[in-house]
N, C-alpha and C. Protein backbone atom coordinates (compact mmCIF):
# COMPACT_ATOMS: atom_id res chain seq x y z
N UNK A 1 0.92 -1.18 0.10
CA UNK A 1 0.04 -0.02 -0.03
C UNK A 1 0.91 1.34 -0.08
N UNK A 2 1.95 1.31 0.85
CA UNK A 2 2.86 2.51 0.91
C UNK A 2 3.54 2.61 -0.51
N UNK A 3 3.76 1.61 -1.21
CA UNK A 3 4.51 1.84 -2.53
C UNK A 3 3.64 2.43 -3.50
N UNK A 4 2.29 1.97 -3.48
CA UNK A 4 1.20 2.51 -4.45
C UNK A 4 1.20 4.02 -4.03
N UNK A 5 1.02 4.38 -2.85
CA UNK A 5 0.77 5.80 -2.31
C UNK A 5 2.06 6.66 -2.79
N UNK A 6 3.27 6.23 -2.68
CA UNK A 6 4.48 6.73 -2.96
C UNK A 6 4.57 7.04 -4.56
N UNK A 7 4.09 6.01 -5.30
CA UNK A 7 3.89 6.12 -6.76
C UNK A 7 3.00 7.16 -7.25
N UNK A 8 1.82 7.12 -6.63
CA UNK A 8 0.76 8.15 -6.92
C UNK A 8 1.31 9.63 -6.54
N UNK A 9 2.08 9.78 -5.52
CA UNK A 9 2.56 11.14 -5.05
C UNK A 9 3.56 11.49 -6.09
N UNK A 10 4.48 10.63 -6.56
CA UNK A 10 5.48 10.93 -7.38
C UNK A 10 4.73 11.38 -8.95
N UNK A 11 3.77 10.59 -9.32
CA UNK A 11 3.06 10.97 -10.54
C UNK A 11 2.34 12.34 -10.36
N UNK A 12 1.84 12.65 -9.16
CA UNK A 12 1.22 13.98 -8.90
C UNK A 12 2.19 15.09 -8.82
N UNK A 13 3.43 14.78 -8.37
CA UNK A 13 4.42 15.78 -8.34
C UNK A 13 4.80 16.13 -9.87
N UNK A 14 5.06 15.03 -10.52
CA UNK A 14 5.46 15.23 -12.10
C UNK A 14 4.53 16.00 -12.85
N UNK A 15 3.10 15.64 -12.62
CA UNK A 15 1.95 16.39 -13.26
C UNK A 15 2.10 17.82 -13.02
N UNK A 16 2.19 18.01 -11.64
CA UNK A 16 2.17 19.51 -11.03
C UNK A 16 3.23 20.39 -11.73
N UNK A 17 4.53 19.65 -11.68
CA UNK A 17 5.72 20.39 -12.26
C UNK A 17 5.56 20.67 -13.80
N UNK A 18 4.85 19.75 -14.45
CA UNK A 18 4.79 19.90 -15.79
C UNK A 18 3.99 21.20 -16.16
N UNK A 19 2.65 21.11 -15.32
CA UNK A 19 1.51 22.30 -15.55
C UNK A 19 2.22 23.62 -15.01
N UNK A 20 3.14 23.61 -14.03
CA UNK A 20 3.68 24.74 -13.45
C UNK A 20 4.65 25.32 -14.59
N UNK A 21 5.52 24.50 -15.15
CA UNK A 21 6.49 24.99 -16.05
C UNK A 21 5.81 25.45 -17.33
N UNK A 22 4.58 25.01 -17.71
CA UNK A 22 3.90 25.29 -18.94
C UNK A 22 2.77 26.21 -18.95
N UNK A 23 2.68 26.96 -17.65
CA UNK A 23 1.60 27.84 -17.58
C UNK A 23 2.01 29.22 -18.35
N UNK A 24 1.05 29.86 -18.94
CA UNK A 24 1.39 31.18 -19.50
C UNK A 24 1.88 32.15 -18.46
N UNK A 25 3.03 32.87 -18.66
CA UNK A 25 3.55 33.77 -17.75
C UNK A 25 2.79 35.14 -17.90
N UNK A 26 2.42 35.60 -18.95
CA UNK A 26 1.68 36.61 -19.18
C UNK A 26 0.63 36.54 -20.09
N UNK A 27 -0.02 37.57 -20.42
CA UNK A 27 -1.03 37.34 -21.58
C UNK A 27 -0.79 38.33 -22.53
N UNK A 28 -0.47 37.75 -23.73
CA UNK A 28 -0.02 38.61 -24.85
C UNK A 28 -1.25 39.31 -25.43
N UNK A 29 -1.05 40.39 -26.17
CA UNK A 29 -2.34 41.20 -26.77
C UNK A 29 -3.19 40.16 -27.67
N UNK A 30 -2.64 39.38 -28.37
CA UNK A 30 -3.49 38.47 -29.16
C UNK A 30 -4.55 37.74 -28.45
N UNK A 31 -4.33 37.61 -27.13
CA UNK A 31 -5.28 36.93 -26.26
C UNK A 31 -6.48 37.67 -26.16
N UNK A 32 -6.40 39.01 -26.42
CA UNK A 32 -7.61 39.74 -26.47
C UNK A 32 -8.28 39.99 -27.68
N UNK A 33 -7.89 39.19 -28.66
CA UNK A 33 -8.40 39.19 -30.03
C UNK A 33 -7.46 39.91 -30.99
N UNK A 34 -6.33 40.45 -30.72
CA UNK A 34 -5.55 41.21 -31.55
C UNK A 34 -4.83 40.16 -32.58
N UNK A 35 -4.73 40.58 -33.73
CA UNK A 35 -4.13 39.84 -34.84
C UNK A 35 -2.65 39.44 -34.48
N UNK A 36 -2.43 38.22 -34.20
CA UNK A 36 -1.00 37.79 -33.99
C UNK A 36 -0.15 37.55 -35.27
N UNK A 37 1.06 38.05 -35.28
CA UNK A 37 1.79 38.02 -36.40
C UNK A 37 2.55 36.62 -36.59
N UNK A 38 2.52 36.02 -37.58
CA UNK A 38 3.21 34.68 -37.59
C UNK A 38 4.26 34.89 -38.72
N UNK A 39 5.16 33.91 -38.76
CA UNK A 39 6.48 34.11 -39.67
C UNK A 39 5.99 34.14 -41.19
N UNK A 40 4.93 33.34 -41.39
CA UNK A 40 4.45 33.33 -42.83
C UNK A 40 3.89 34.67 -43.20
N UNK A 41 3.43 35.63 -42.21
CA UNK A 41 2.91 36.96 -42.51
C UNK A 41 3.71 37.74 -43.49
N UNK A 42 5.10 37.57 -43.16
CA UNK A 42 6.06 38.40 -43.87
C UNK A 42 5.92 38.08 -45.41
N UNK A 43 5.94 36.76 -45.80
CA UNK A 43 5.85 36.42 -47.12
C UNK A 43 4.43 36.67 -47.73
N UNK A 44 3.56 36.94 -46.86
CA UNK A 44 2.27 37.36 -47.38
C UNK A 44 2.06 38.71 -47.73
N UNK A 45 3.18 39.56 -47.54
CA UNK A 45 3.11 40.98 -47.82
C UNK A 45 2.36 41.89 -46.95
N UNK A 46 2.74 41.68 -45.65
CA UNK A 46 2.02 42.61 -44.69
C UNK A 46 2.37 44.23 -45.09
N UNK A 47 3.59 44.27 -45.58
CA UNK A 47 4.06 45.81 -45.73
C UNK A 47 3.23 46.27 -46.99
N UNK A 48 2.46 45.44 -47.77
CA UNK A 48 1.77 46.09 -49.00
C UNK A 48 0.25 46.29 -48.55
N UNK A 49 -0.05 46.25 -47.20
CA UNK A 49 -1.26 46.35 -46.80
C UNK A 49 -2.06 47.77 -47.26
N UNK A 50 -3.22 47.72 -47.50
CA UNK A 50 -4.02 48.89 -47.90
C UNK A 50 -4.20 49.80 -46.70
N UNK A 51 -3.89 49.24 -45.57
CA UNK A 51 -4.11 50.25 -44.27
C UNK A 51 -2.61 50.54 -43.71
N UNK A 52 -2.66 51.65 -43.14
CA UNK A 52 -1.41 52.12 -42.37
C UNK A 52 -1.25 50.89 -41.28
N UNK A 53 0.02 50.73 -41.08
CA UNK A 53 0.38 49.51 -40.23
C UNK A 53 1.27 50.00 -38.99
N UNK A 54 0.88 49.25 -37.78
CA UNK A 54 1.66 49.44 -36.59
C UNK A 54 2.01 47.93 -36.24
N UNK A 55 3.38 47.73 -36.37
CA UNK A 55 4.01 46.39 -35.90
C UNK A 55 4.51 46.76 -34.48
N UNK A 56 4.08 45.78 -33.58
CA UNK A 56 4.59 45.82 -32.23
C UNK A 56 5.22 44.53 -31.91
N UNK A 57 6.52 44.72 -31.52
CA UNK A 57 7.36 43.68 -31.12
C UNK A 57 7.53 43.60 -29.56
N UNK A 58 7.12 42.55 -29.05
CA UNK A 58 6.94 42.52 -27.58
C UNK A 58 7.33 41.01 -27.12
N UNK A 59 6.81 40.78 -25.83
CA UNK A 59 6.91 39.59 -25.22
C UNK A 59 5.86 39.45 -24.10
N UNK A 60 5.35 38.18 -23.94
CA UNK A 60 4.41 37.97 -22.77
C UNK A 60 5.11 38.15 -21.41
N UNK A 61 6.45 37.93 -21.42
CA UNK A 61 7.10 37.87 -20.12
C UNK A 61 7.86 39.20 -20.02
N UNK A 62 7.42 40.39 -20.74
CA UNK A 62 8.05 41.54 -20.61
C UNK A 62 7.06 42.49 -19.92
N UNK A 63 7.43 42.92 -18.66
CA UNK A 63 6.71 43.86 -17.79
C UNK A 63 6.15 45.18 -18.57
N UNK A 64 7.15 45.81 -19.35
CA UNK A 64 6.72 47.11 -20.09
C UNK A 64 5.69 46.76 -21.12
N UNK A 65 5.91 45.62 -21.75
CA UNK A 65 5.00 45.16 -22.82
C UNK A 65 3.54 44.81 -22.15
N UNK A 66 3.55 44.14 -21.11
CA UNK A 66 2.23 43.99 -20.47
C UNK A 66 1.70 45.16 -19.97
N UNK A 67 2.48 46.16 -19.43
CA UNK A 67 1.92 47.40 -18.96
C UNK A 67 1.19 48.12 -20.25
N UNK A 68 1.75 48.03 -21.39
CA UNK A 68 1.32 48.69 -22.63
C UNK A 68 0.14 47.97 -23.23
N UNK A 69 0.01 46.72 -22.90
CA UNK A 69 -1.06 45.94 -23.51
C UNK A 69 -2.48 46.65 -23.72
N UNK A 70 -2.82 47.02 -22.52
CA UNK A 70 -4.19 47.57 -22.33
C UNK A 70 -4.45 48.53 -23.53
N UNK A 71 -3.50 49.67 -23.57
CA UNK A 71 -3.55 50.75 -24.48
C UNK A 71 -3.56 50.15 -25.94
N UNK A 72 -2.57 49.15 -26.19
CA UNK A 72 -2.28 48.57 -27.43
C UNK A 72 -3.79 47.92 -27.97
N UNK A 73 -4.29 46.98 -27.18
CA UNK A 73 -5.52 46.34 -27.41
C UNK A 73 -6.69 47.44 -27.71
N UNK A 74 -6.84 48.46 -26.89
CA UNK A 74 -7.86 49.41 -27.02
C UNK A 74 -7.66 50.18 -28.30
N UNK A 75 -6.34 50.58 -28.60
CA UNK A 75 -6.07 51.05 -29.90
C UNK A 75 -6.56 50.27 -31.15
N UNK A 76 -6.19 49.05 -31.06
CA UNK A 76 -6.45 48.14 -32.01
C UNK A 76 -8.10 47.99 -32.21
N UNK A 77 -8.68 47.91 -31.08
CA UNK A 77 -10.13 47.70 -31.28
C UNK A 77 -10.80 48.97 -31.73
N UNK A 78 -10.32 50.08 -31.31
CA UNK A 78 -10.94 51.44 -31.72
C UNK A 78 -10.65 51.76 -33.17
N UNK A 79 -9.53 51.23 -33.76
CA UNK A 79 -9.13 51.60 -35.09
C UNK A 79 -9.37 50.59 -35.95
N UNK A 80 -10.06 49.40 -35.72
CA UNK A 80 -10.07 48.31 -36.50
C UNK A 80 -10.72 48.90 -37.70
N UNK A 81 -10.11 48.34 -38.94
CA UNK A 81 -10.62 48.84 -40.21
C UNK A 81 -9.99 50.00 -40.89
N UNK A 82 -9.25 50.92 -39.92
CA UNK A 82 -8.62 52.18 -40.35
C UNK A 82 -7.08 51.80 -40.18
N UNK A 83 -6.67 51.11 -39.23
CA UNK A 83 -5.24 50.86 -38.94
C UNK A 83 -5.28 49.31 -38.78
N UNK A 84 -3.99 48.88 -39.38
CA UNK A 84 -3.73 47.41 -39.12
C UNK A 84 -2.77 47.39 -38.11
N UNK A 85 -2.99 46.56 -37.00
CA UNK A 85 -2.09 46.45 -35.80
C UNK A 85 -1.62 44.94 -35.71
N UNK A 86 -0.36 44.62 -35.70
CA UNK A 86 0.19 43.43 -35.47
C UNK A 86 1.01 43.28 -34.34
N UNK A 87 0.89 42.34 -33.66
CA UNK A 87 1.66 42.06 -32.61
C UNK A 87 2.55 40.69 -32.70
N UNK A 88 3.79 40.69 -32.36
CA UNK A 88 4.53 39.40 -32.40
C UNK A 88 5.38 39.28 -31.12
N UNK A 89 5.41 38.21 -30.53
CA UNK A 89 6.12 37.88 -29.36
C UNK A 89 7.56 37.43 -29.85
N UNK A 90 8.43 38.25 -29.88
CA UNK A 90 9.81 38.04 -30.42
C UNK A 90 10.70 37.30 -29.43
N UNK A 91 10.31 37.34 -28.14
CA UNK A 91 11.22 36.48 -27.30
C UNK A 91 10.75 34.85 -27.45
N UNK A 92 9.64 34.63 -27.98
CA UNK A 92 9.20 33.22 -28.21
C UNK A 92 9.77 32.84 -29.59
N UNK A 93 9.77 33.84 -30.52
CA UNK A 93 10.17 33.52 -31.82
C UNK A 93 11.04 34.79 -32.63
N UNK A 94 12.24 34.97 -32.20
CA UNK A 94 13.07 36.13 -32.85
C UNK A 94 12.94 36.33 -34.31
N UNK A 95 12.64 35.29 -34.93
CA UNK A 95 12.57 35.45 -36.51
C UNK A 95 11.31 36.35 -36.95
N UNK A 96 10.39 36.60 -35.85
CA UNK A 96 9.18 37.24 -36.49
C UNK A 96 9.43 38.78 -36.64
N UNK A 97 10.76 39.21 -36.35
CA UNK A 97 10.98 40.56 -36.56
C UNK A 97 11.31 40.65 -38.17
N UNK A 98 11.47 39.53 -38.93
CA UNK A 98 11.60 39.65 -40.36
C UNK A 98 12.89 40.71 -40.66
N UNK A 99 13.93 40.72 -39.98
CA UNK A 99 14.99 41.42 -40.20
C UNK A 99 14.83 42.82 -39.66
N UNK A 100 13.77 43.29 -39.12
CA UNK A 100 13.72 44.64 -38.61
C UNK A 100 14.44 44.62 -37.29
N UNK A 101 15.17 45.92 -37.04
CA UNK A 101 15.94 45.87 -35.57
C UNK A 101 14.98 45.94 -34.58
N UNK A 102 15.23 45.21 -33.58
CA UNK A 102 14.35 45.09 -32.44
C UNK A 102 15.30 44.83 -31.36
N UNK A 103 16.17 45.80 -30.59
CA UNK A 103 16.92 45.72 -29.64
C UNK A 103 16.40 45.50 -28.27
N UNK A 104 15.19 46.10 -28.06
CA UNK A 104 14.38 46.03 -26.85
C UNK A 104 12.97 45.82 -27.14
N UNK A 105 12.23 45.35 -26.09
CA UNK A 105 10.82 45.04 -26.16
C UNK A 105 10.17 46.02 -25.25
N UNK A 106 9.30 46.74 -25.48
CA UNK A 106 8.44 46.75 -26.77
C UNK A 106 9.24 47.55 -27.66
N UNK A 107 9.09 47.30 -28.97
CA UNK A 107 9.57 48.12 -30.02
C UNK A 107 8.39 48.15 -31.12
N UNK A 108 8.11 49.38 -31.72
CA UNK A 108 7.13 49.62 -32.61
C UNK A 108 7.71 50.20 -34.05
N UNK A 109 7.05 49.67 -35.11
CA UNK A 109 7.41 50.22 -36.35
C UNK A 109 6.19 50.61 -37.09
N UNK A 110 6.23 51.71 -37.94
CA UNK A 110 4.90 52.42 -38.53
C UNK A 110 5.15 52.54 -39.99
N UNK A 111 4.12 52.16 -40.70
CA UNK A 111 4.20 52.24 -42.18
C UNK A 111 2.85 52.85 -42.71
N UNK A 112 2.98 53.56 -43.68
CA UNK A 112 1.80 54.01 -44.42
C UNK A 112 1.22 52.92 -45.33
N UNK A 113 0.05 53.16 -45.77
CA UNK A 113 -0.42 52.18 -46.72
C UNK A 113 0.55 51.76 -47.86
N UNK A 114 0.66 50.56 -48.31
CA UNK A 114 1.70 50.23 -49.33
C UNK A 114 3.01 49.88 -48.85
N UNK A 115 3.27 50.15 -47.64
CA UNK A 115 4.58 49.70 -47.08
C UNK A 115 5.69 50.85 -47.06
N UNK A 116 5.10 52.19 -47.33
CA UNK A 116 6.13 53.32 -47.42
C UNK A 116 6.43 53.53 -45.85
N UNK A 117 7.57 53.77 -45.37
CA UNK A 117 7.77 54.11 -44.07
C UNK A 117 7.31 55.47 -43.38
N UNK A 118 6.66 55.57 -42.41
CA UNK A 118 6.16 56.71 -41.85
C UNK A 118 7.22 57.65 -41.57
N UNK A 119 7.28 58.88 -41.79
CA UNK A 119 8.20 59.85 -41.46
C UNK A 119 7.58 60.89 -40.58
N UNK A 120 7.94 60.96 -39.46
CA UNK A 120 7.21 61.78 -38.57
C UNK A 120 7.51 63.35 -38.81
N UNK A 121 6.46 64.09 -38.42
CA UNK A 121 6.50 65.52 -38.74
C UNK A 121 7.22 66.13 -37.54
N UNK A 122 7.66 67.40 -37.59
CA UNK A 122 8.43 68.08 -36.69
C UNK A 122 7.77 68.27 -35.30
N UNK A 123 6.39 68.46 -35.22
CA UNK A 123 5.64 68.67 -33.88
C UNK A 123 5.68 67.36 -33.31
N UNK A 124 5.44 66.29 -34.01
CA UNK A 124 5.29 64.94 -33.08
C UNK A 124 6.57 64.48 -32.57
N UNK A 125 7.61 64.93 -33.41
CA UNK A 125 9.05 64.33 -33.06
C UNK A 125 9.44 65.23 -31.83
N UNK A 126 8.94 66.22 -31.53
CA UNK A 126 9.28 66.93 -30.24
C UNK A 126 8.68 66.26 -28.98
N UNK A 127 7.65 65.43 -29.23
CA UNK A 127 6.91 64.80 -28.21
C UNK A 127 7.28 63.20 -28.00
N UNK A 128 7.59 62.82 -29.11
CA UNK A 128 7.86 61.19 -28.97
C UNK A 128 9.28 60.98 -29.83
N UNK A 129 10.06 60.26 -29.21
CA UNK A 129 11.28 59.94 -29.59
C UNK A 129 11.23 58.88 -30.53
N UNK A 130 11.53 59.03 -31.83
CA UNK A 130 11.50 57.95 -32.99
C UNK A 130 12.91 57.58 -33.33
N UNK A 131 13.16 56.41 -33.83
CA UNK A 131 14.57 56.11 -34.25
C UNK A 131 14.11 56.09 -35.93
N UNK A 132 14.85 56.69 -36.51
CA UNK A 132 14.67 56.68 -38.19
C UNK A 132 16.05 56.12 -38.68
N UNK A 133 15.82 55.24 -39.61
CA UNK A 133 16.81 54.59 -40.33
C UNK A 133 16.69 55.03 -41.68
N UNK A 134 18.13 55.20 -42.33
CA UNK A 134 18.27 55.61 -43.67
C UNK A 134 19.03 54.51 -44.47
N UNK A 135 18.65 54.42 -45.76
CA UNK A 135 19.55 53.67 -46.51
C UNK A 135 20.88 54.14 -46.76
N UNK A 136 21.93 53.26 -46.43
CA UNK A 136 23.47 53.79 -46.52
C UNK A 136 23.81 54.42 -47.81
N UNK A 137 23.34 53.64 -48.88
CA UNK A 137 23.74 54.16 -50.18
C UNK A 137 23.15 55.35 -50.79
N UNK A 138 21.82 55.57 -50.55
CA UNK A 138 21.14 56.59 -51.13
C UNK A 138 20.82 57.61 -49.96
N UNK A 139 20.84 57.37 -48.81
CA UNK A 139 20.46 58.33 -47.76
C UNK A 139 19.06 58.43 -47.58
N UNK A 140 18.14 57.86 -48.47
CA UNK A 140 16.67 57.81 -48.39
C UNK A 140 16.15 57.14 -47.04
N UNK A 141 15.06 57.81 -46.55
CA UNK A 141 14.43 57.25 -45.40
C UNK A 141 13.86 55.86 -45.60
N UNK A 142 14.44 54.98 -44.76
CA UNK A 142 14.03 53.56 -44.88
C UNK A 142 12.96 53.05 -43.87
N UNK A 143 13.05 53.51 -42.61
CA UNK A 143 12.26 52.87 -41.58
C UNK A 143 11.97 53.85 -40.31
N UNK A 144 10.98 53.83 -39.80
CA UNK A 144 10.67 54.58 -38.46
C UNK A 144 10.11 53.69 -37.34
N UNK A 145 10.75 53.77 -36.22
CA UNK A 145 10.47 53.05 -35.16
C UNK A 145 10.36 53.78 -33.80
N UNK A 146 10.04 53.11 -32.83
CA UNK A 146 10.07 53.61 -31.47
C UNK A 146 10.39 52.54 -30.49
N UNK A 147 11.10 52.66 -29.58
CA UNK A 147 11.52 51.73 -28.45
C UNK A 147 10.85 52.17 -27.14
N UNK A 148 10.20 51.28 -26.49
CA UNK A 148 9.66 51.45 -25.21
C UNK A 148 8.16 51.55 -25.42
N UNK A 149 7.51 51.95 -24.35
CA UNK A 149 6.03 51.85 -24.18
C UNK A 149 5.40 53.19 -25.02
N UNK A 150 4.39 53.08 -25.52
CA UNK A 150 3.47 54.02 -26.14
C UNK A 150 2.15 54.01 -25.48
N UNK A 151 1.49 55.12 -25.26
CA UNK A 151 0.19 55.18 -24.69
C UNK A 151 -0.90 55.14 -25.92
N UNK A 152 -1.97 54.80 -25.64
CA UNK A 152 -3.00 54.91 -26.66
C UNK A 152 -3.11 56.35 -27.25
N UNK A 153 -2.99 57.54 -26.55
CA UNK A 153 -3.10 58.85 -27.04
C UNK A 153 -1.84 58.94 -28.06
N UNK A 154 -0.70 58.57 -27.49
CA UNK A 154 0.52 58.56 -28.56
C UNK A 154 0.35 57.90 -29.93
N UNK A 155 -0.31 56.80 -29.84
CA UNK A 155 -0.54 55.83 -30.86
C UNK A 155 -1.48 56.79 -31.83
N UNK A 156 -2.65 57.31 -31.26
CA UNK A 156 -3.61 58.26 -32.04
C UNK A 156 -2.73 59.33 -32.75
N UNK A 157 -1.82 60.02 -31.90
CA UNK A 157 -1.10 61.07 -32.39
C UNK A 157 -0.20 60.78 -33.69
N UNK A 158 0.35 59.69 -33.52
CA UNK A 158 1.30 59.14 -34.67
C UNK A 158 0.36 58.90 -35.87
N UNK A 159 -0.64 58.25 -35.80
CA UNK A 159 -1.59 57.94 -36.94
C UNK A 159 -2.26 59.27 -37.56
N UNK A 160 -2.60 60.10 -36.68
CA UNK A 160 -3.14 61.41 -37.19
C UNK A 160 -2.14 62.19 -38.03
N UNK A 161 -0.68 62.06 -37.44
CA UNK A 161 0.33 62.69 -38.12
C UNK A 161 0.57 62.07 -39.40
N UNK A 162 0.20 60.76 -39.64
CA UNK A 162 0.36 60.13 -40.82
C UNK A 162 -0.74 60.56 -41.78
N UNK A 163 -1.81 61.26 -41.27
CA UNK A 163 -2.98 61.62 -42.12
C UNK A 163 -4.11 60.81 -42.00
N UNK A 164 -3.95 59.87 -41.22
CA UNK A 164 -5.21 58.88 -41.03
C UNK A 164 -6.30 59.47 -40.11
N UNK A 165 -7.53 59.22 -40.49
CA UNK A 165 -8.67 59.77 -39.86
C UNK A 165 -9.15 58.72 -38.81
N UNK A 166 -8.36 59.01 -37.43
CA UNK A 166 -8.60 58.16 -36.45
C UNK A 166 -9.01 58.79 -35.23
């Protein structure tokens, strides 16, 4: 009888450890219905979208990402059909950056319809610190991003600066 009880306790301990190790650590924005970016999306031409695009690179285990999640999900829900918002957990799968630089999470990138990079105006650049990348051969603007948290109000300001009616 003692042997059976010990075996049952060992099995329960193993099952408990399994569930503990495999529980979700945080809840990613797609848990709230946001479109999750998958690796194949890059080959499906997300940059040729007819809508302006916000790419958010984050992680469910990242405290700043989780702090920004509520605003990101609210912005997604309120601008659905006007702005495409994609979220990728790049700690889970770093290849989801598609080659875009993402040194910290959260990091966001902004594109106009058709994949042209957003170029911030002078006024918004005084409020929000953007990273702007240029092509080394031509000096032409290649990419605009932001590192760190954004509020919902800042997201609205960015897309209004793009000329989007949000």
